[in-house]
């Protein structure tokens, strides 16, 4: 008797628009350096302006440490959750 187990559900994708990311809040699902909660403090504008936005700068709420991240990485629900969870 064989049982075909269904694959585990994929984590939800966070629907995003890069133009609306400024000051949004995020929770890292696997905290590093005790940093779990982040705020988008800057959307990195490309040069020339006709090119698409690619990066955002996140600031950890606790330590104020900043990091650059490709904005599409925030759409991975297994890594990031929108809001502070």
N, C-alpha and C. Protein backbone atom coordinates (compact mmCIF):
# COMPACT_ATOMS: atom_id res chain seq x y z
N UNK A 1 0.84 -1.17 0.00
CA UNK A 1 0.00 0.00 0.00
C UNK A 1 0.88 1.24 0.00
N UNK A 2 0.68 2.10 -0.96
CA UNK A 2 1.49 3.31 -1.07
C UNK A 2 0.63 4.52 -0.77
N UNK A 3 1.20 5.42 -0.01
CA UNK A 3 0.48 6.67 0.25
C UNK A 3 1.26 7.80 -0.38
N UNK A 4 0.59 8.55 -1.18
CA UNK A 4 1.22 9.71 -1.80
C UNK A 4 0.98 10.91 -0.90
N UNK A 5 2.02 11.25 -0.17
CA UNK A 5 1.91 12.40 0.72
C UNK A 5 2.00 13.68 -0.10
N UNK A 6 1.13 14.59 0.20
CA UNK A 6 1.15 15.88 -0.49
C UNK A 6 2.39 16.66 -0.05
N UNK A 7 3.01 17.39 -0.97
CA UNK A 7 4.17 18.20 -0.58
C UNK A 7 3.74 19.27 0.41
N UNK A 8 4.66 19.68 1.28
CA UNK A 8 4.30 20.73 2.24
C UNK A 8 3.93 22.01 1.51
N UNK A 9 2.99 22.77 2.05
CA UNK A 9 2.60 24.02 1.38
C UNK A 9 3.75 25.01 1.33
N UNK A 10 3.82 25.73 0.24
CA UNK A 10 4.85 26.76 0.11
C UNK A 10 4.48 27.95 0.97
N UNK A 11 5.49 28.60 1.58
CA UNK A 11 5.18 29.81 2.35
C UNK A 11 4.57 30.87 1.45
N UNK A 12 3.70 31.63 2.02
CA UNK A 12 3.03 32.68 1.25
C UNK A 12 4.04 33.73 0.79
N UNK A 13 3.78 34.27 -0.39
CA UNK A 13 4.62 35.35 -0.90
C UNK A 13 4.02 36.66 -0.41
N UNK A 14 4.86 37.57 0.03
CA UNK A 14 4.41 38.89 0.47
C UNK A 14 4.24 39.77 -0.77
N UNK A 15 3.02 40.20 -1.09
CA UNK A 15 2.84 41.07 -2.26
C UNK A 15 3.41 42.45 -1.97
N UNK A 16 4.28 42.93 -2.84
CA UNK A 16 4.96 44.21 -2.59
C UNK A 16 5.05 45.06 -3.83
N UNK A 17 5.15 46.34 -3.59
CA UNK A 17 5.49 47.31 -4.63
C UNK A 17 6.71 48.06 -4.11
N UNK A 18 7.80 48.10 -4.86
CA UNK A 18 9.01 48.75 -4.34
C UNK A 18 8.82 50.23 -4.01
N UNK A 19 7.86 50.87 -4.67
CA UNK A 19 7.64 52.30 -4.42
C UNK A 19 6.93 52.55 -3.09
N UNK A 20 6.31 51.51 -2.52
CA UNK A 20 5.56 51.69 -1.28
C UNK A 20 6.25 51.05 -0.07
N UNK A 21 7.52 50.75 -0.18
CA UNK A 21 8.22 50.05 0.90
C UNK A 21 8.74 50.96 2.01
N UNK A 22 8.95 52.23 1.71
CA UNK A 22 9.54 53.13 2.70
C UNK A 22 8.74 53.14 3.99
N UNK A 23 9.44 52.95 5.10
CA UNK A 23 8.91 52.94 6.47
C UNK A 23 8.01 51.74 6.79
N UNK A 24 8.04 50.70 5.95
CA UNK A 24 7.30 49.50 6.29
C UNK A 24 8.07 48.69 7.32
N UNK A 25 7.35 47.89 8.10
CA UNK A 25 7.94 47.11 9.20
C UNK A 25 8.02 45.65 8.79
N UNK A 26 9.11 44.97 9.22
CA UNK A 26 9.34 43.58 8.84
C UNK A 26 9.87 42.79 10.02
N UNK A 27 9.53 41.50 10.04
CA UNK A 27 10.04 40.58 11.05
C UNK A 27 10.84 39.49 10.34
N UNK A 28 12.08 39.30 10.79
CA UNK A 28 12.91 38.21 10.27
C UNK A 28 12.47 36.92 10.92
N UNK A 29 12.21 35.89 10.14
CA UNK A 29 11.75 34.62 10.69
C UNK A 29 12.87 33.87 11.40
N UNK A 30 14.12 34.10 11.03
CA UNK A 30 15.26 33.53 11.73
C UNK A 30 16.18 34.68 12.13
N UNK A 31 16.01 35.21 13.34
CA UNK A 31 16.80 36.35 13.78
C UNK A 31 18.30 36.04 13.83
N UNK A 32 19.09 37.04 13.49
CA UNK A 32 20.55 36.97 13.62
C UNK A 32 20.99 38.13 14.49
N UNK A 33 21.95 37.89 15.35
CA UNK A 33 22.47 38.92 16.25
C UNK A 33 21.36 39.51 17.12
N UNK A 34 20.40 38.68 17.48
CA UNK A 34 19.25 39.10 18.29
C UNK A 34 18.43 40.20 17.62
N UNK A 35 18.53 40.28 16.29
CA UNK A 35 17.78 41.29 15.54
C UNK A 35 16.62 40.59 14.83
N UNK A 36 15.43 40.98 15.17
CA UNK A 36 14.23 40.35 14.61
C UNK A 36 13.34 41.36 13.89
N UNK A 37 13.23 42.56 14.43
CA UNK A 37 12.33 43.57 13.87
C UNK A 37 13.11 44.64 13.12
N UNK A 38 12.61 44.97 11.93
CA UNK A 38 13.29 45.90 11.04
C UNK A 38 12.31 46.89 10.44
N UNK A 39 12.85 48.04 10.02
CA UNK A 39 12.07 49.08 9.33
C UNK A 39 12.85 49.43 8.06
N UNK A 40 12.13 49.58 6.95
CA UNK A 40 12.76 50.04 5.71
C UNK A 40 12.97 51.55 5.87
N UNK A 41 14.22 51.97 5.95
CA UNK A 41 14.51 53.39 6.16
C UNK A 41 14.86 54.12 4.87
N UNK A 42 15.14 53.34 3.80
CA UNK A 42 15.51 54.00 2.55
C UNK A 42 15.28 53.03 1.39
N UNK A 43 14.70 53.56 0.33
CA UNK A 43 14.62 52.84 -0.94
C UNK A 43 15.75 53.39 -1.79
N UNK A 44 16.68 52.52 -2.18
CA UNK A 44 17.86 52.96 -2.93
C UNK A 44 17.45 53.25 -4.36
N UNK A 45 17.53 54.51 -4.72
CA UNK A 45 17.14 54.94 -6.07
C UNK A 45 18.30 54.70 -7.03
N UNK A 46 18.03 54.05 -8.16
CA UNK A 46 19.10 53.73 -9.11
C UNK A 46 19.47 54.94 -9.95
N UNK A 47 20.64 54.83 -10.54
CA UNK A 47 21.06 55.83 -11.53
C UNK A 47 21.27 55.10 -12.83
N UNK A 48 20.71 55.48 -13.89
CA UNK A 48 19.76 56.57 -14.10
C UNK A 48 18.39 56.24 -13.52
N UNK A 49 17.56 57.24 -13.29
CA UNK A 49 16.25 57.04 -12.66
C UNK A 49 15.29 56.15 -13.45
N UNK A 50 15.56 55.92 -14.74
CA UNK A 50 14.67 55.09 -15.54
C UNK A 50 14.80 53.60 -15.19
N UNK A 51 15.88 53.24 -14.51
CA UNK A 51 16.12 51.85 -14.14
C UNK A 51 15.25 51.51 -12.92
N UNK A 52 14.85 50.26 -12.81
CA UNK A 52 13.99 49.83 -11.71
C UNK A 52 14.71 49.89 -10.36
N UNK A 53 13.93 50.12 -9.31
CA UNK A 53 14.43 50.06 -7.95
C UNK A 53 14.81 48.62 -7.65
N UNK A 54 16.00 48.42 -7.05
CA UNK A 54 16.44 47.06 -6.76
C UNK A 54 16.70 46.82 -5.29
N UNK A 55 17.14 47.84 -4.55
CA UNK A 55 17.53 47.60 -3.16
C UNK A 55 16.82 48.53 -2.19
N UNK A 56 16.71 48.04 -0.96
CA UNK A 56 16.20 48.84 0.14
C UNK A 56 17.20 48.72 1.29
N UNK A 57 17.16 49.70 2.17
CA UNK A 57 18.01 49.65 3.36
C UNK A 57 17.11 49.41 4.57
N UNK A 58 17.43 48.36 5.31
CA UNK A 58 16.68 48.01 6.51
C UNK A 58 17.48 48.41 7.74
N UNK A 59 16.77 48.85 8.77
CA UNK A 59 17.40 49.18 10.04
C UNK A 59 16.79 48.31 11.13
N UNK A 60 17.65 47.65 11.90
CA UNK A 60 17.17 46.84 13.02
C UNK A 60 16.67 47.78 14.12
N UNK A 61 15.50 47.49 14.65
CA UNK A 61 14.90 48.36 15.65
C UNK A 61 15.73 48.36 16.93
N UNK A 62 16.22 47.20 17.33
CA UNK A 62 16.93 47.07 18.60
C UNK A 62 18.33 47.69 18.56
N UNK A 63 19.12 47.32 17.55
CA UNK A 63 20.53 47.73 17.51
C UNK A 63 20.82 48.92 16.61
N UNK A 64 19.86 49.29 15.77
CA UNK A 64 20.03 50.38 14.77
C UNK A 64 21.04 50.01 13.68
N UNK A 65 21.43 48.74 13.62
CA UNK A 65 22.33 48.28 12.56
C UNK A 65 21.56 48.31 11.24
N UNK A 66 22.21 48.70 10.15
CA UNK A 66 21.54 48.77 8.85
C UNK A 66 22.12 47.72 7.91
N UNK A 67 21.31 47.34 6.93
CA UNK A 67 21.77 46.42 5.90
C UNK A 67 21.03 46.69 4.61
N UNK A 68 21.73 46.48 3.50
CA UNK A 68 21.11 46.60 2.18
C UNK A 68 20.59 45.24 1.78
N UNK A 69 19.43 45.25 1.14
CA UNK A 69 18.78 44.01 0.76
C UNK A 69 18.06 44.23 -0.55
N UNK A 70 18.09 43.24 -1.42
CA UNK A 70 17.30 43.33 -2.65
C UNK A 70 15.83 43.31 -2.23
N UNK A 71 15.05 44.24 -2.69
CA UNK A 71 13.67 44.38 -2.21
C UNK A 71 12.84 43.13 -2.44
N UNK A 72 13.14 42.37 -3.48
CA UNK A 72 12.35 41.16 -3.77
C UNK A 72 12.61 40.06 -2.74
N UNK A 73 13.71 40.14 -1.99
CA UNK A 73 13.95 39.16 -0.93
C UNK A 73 12.86 39.24 0.14
N UNK A 74 12.26 40.41 0.29
CA UNK A 74 11.20 40.58 1.28
C UNK A 74 9.92 39.83 0.89
N UNK A 75 9.80 39.40 -0.36
CA UNK A 75 8.60 38.68 -0.77
C UNK A 75 8.61 37.22 -0.32
N UNK A 76 9.75 36.73 0.16
CA UNK A 76 9.85 35.34 0.61
C UNK A 76 9.28 35.20 2.01
N UNK A 77 8.09 34.63 2.09
CA UNK A 77 7.39 34.49 3.36
C UNK A 77 8.07 33.56 4.35
N UNK A 78 8.99 32.71 3.88
CA UNK A 78 9.72 31.82 4.79
C UNK A 78 10.84 32.58 5.51
N UNK A 79 11.25 33.72 4.97
CA UNK A 79 12.35 34.48 5.54
C UNK A 79 11.86 35.76 6.22
N UNK A 80 10.88 36.43 5.64
CA UNK A 80 10.38 37.70 6.15
C UNK A 80 8.86 37.67 6.29
N UNK A 81 8.37 38.34 7.33
CA UNK A 81 6.93 38.56 7.51
C UNK A 81 6.71 40.06 7.58
N UNK A 82 5.69 40.52 6.88
CA UNK A 82 5.40 41.95 6.90
C UNK A 82 4.76 42.29 8.25
N UNK A 83 5.18 43.39 8.82
CA UNK A 83 4.72 43.80 10.16
C UNK A 83 5.63 43.22 11.22
N UNK A 84 5.32 43.53 12.47
CA UNK A 84 6.11 43.01 13.58
C UNK A 84 5.32 41.89 14.23
N UNK A 85 5.82 40.70 14.07
CA UNK A 85 5.14 39.51 14.59
C UNK A 85 5.79 39.07 15.89
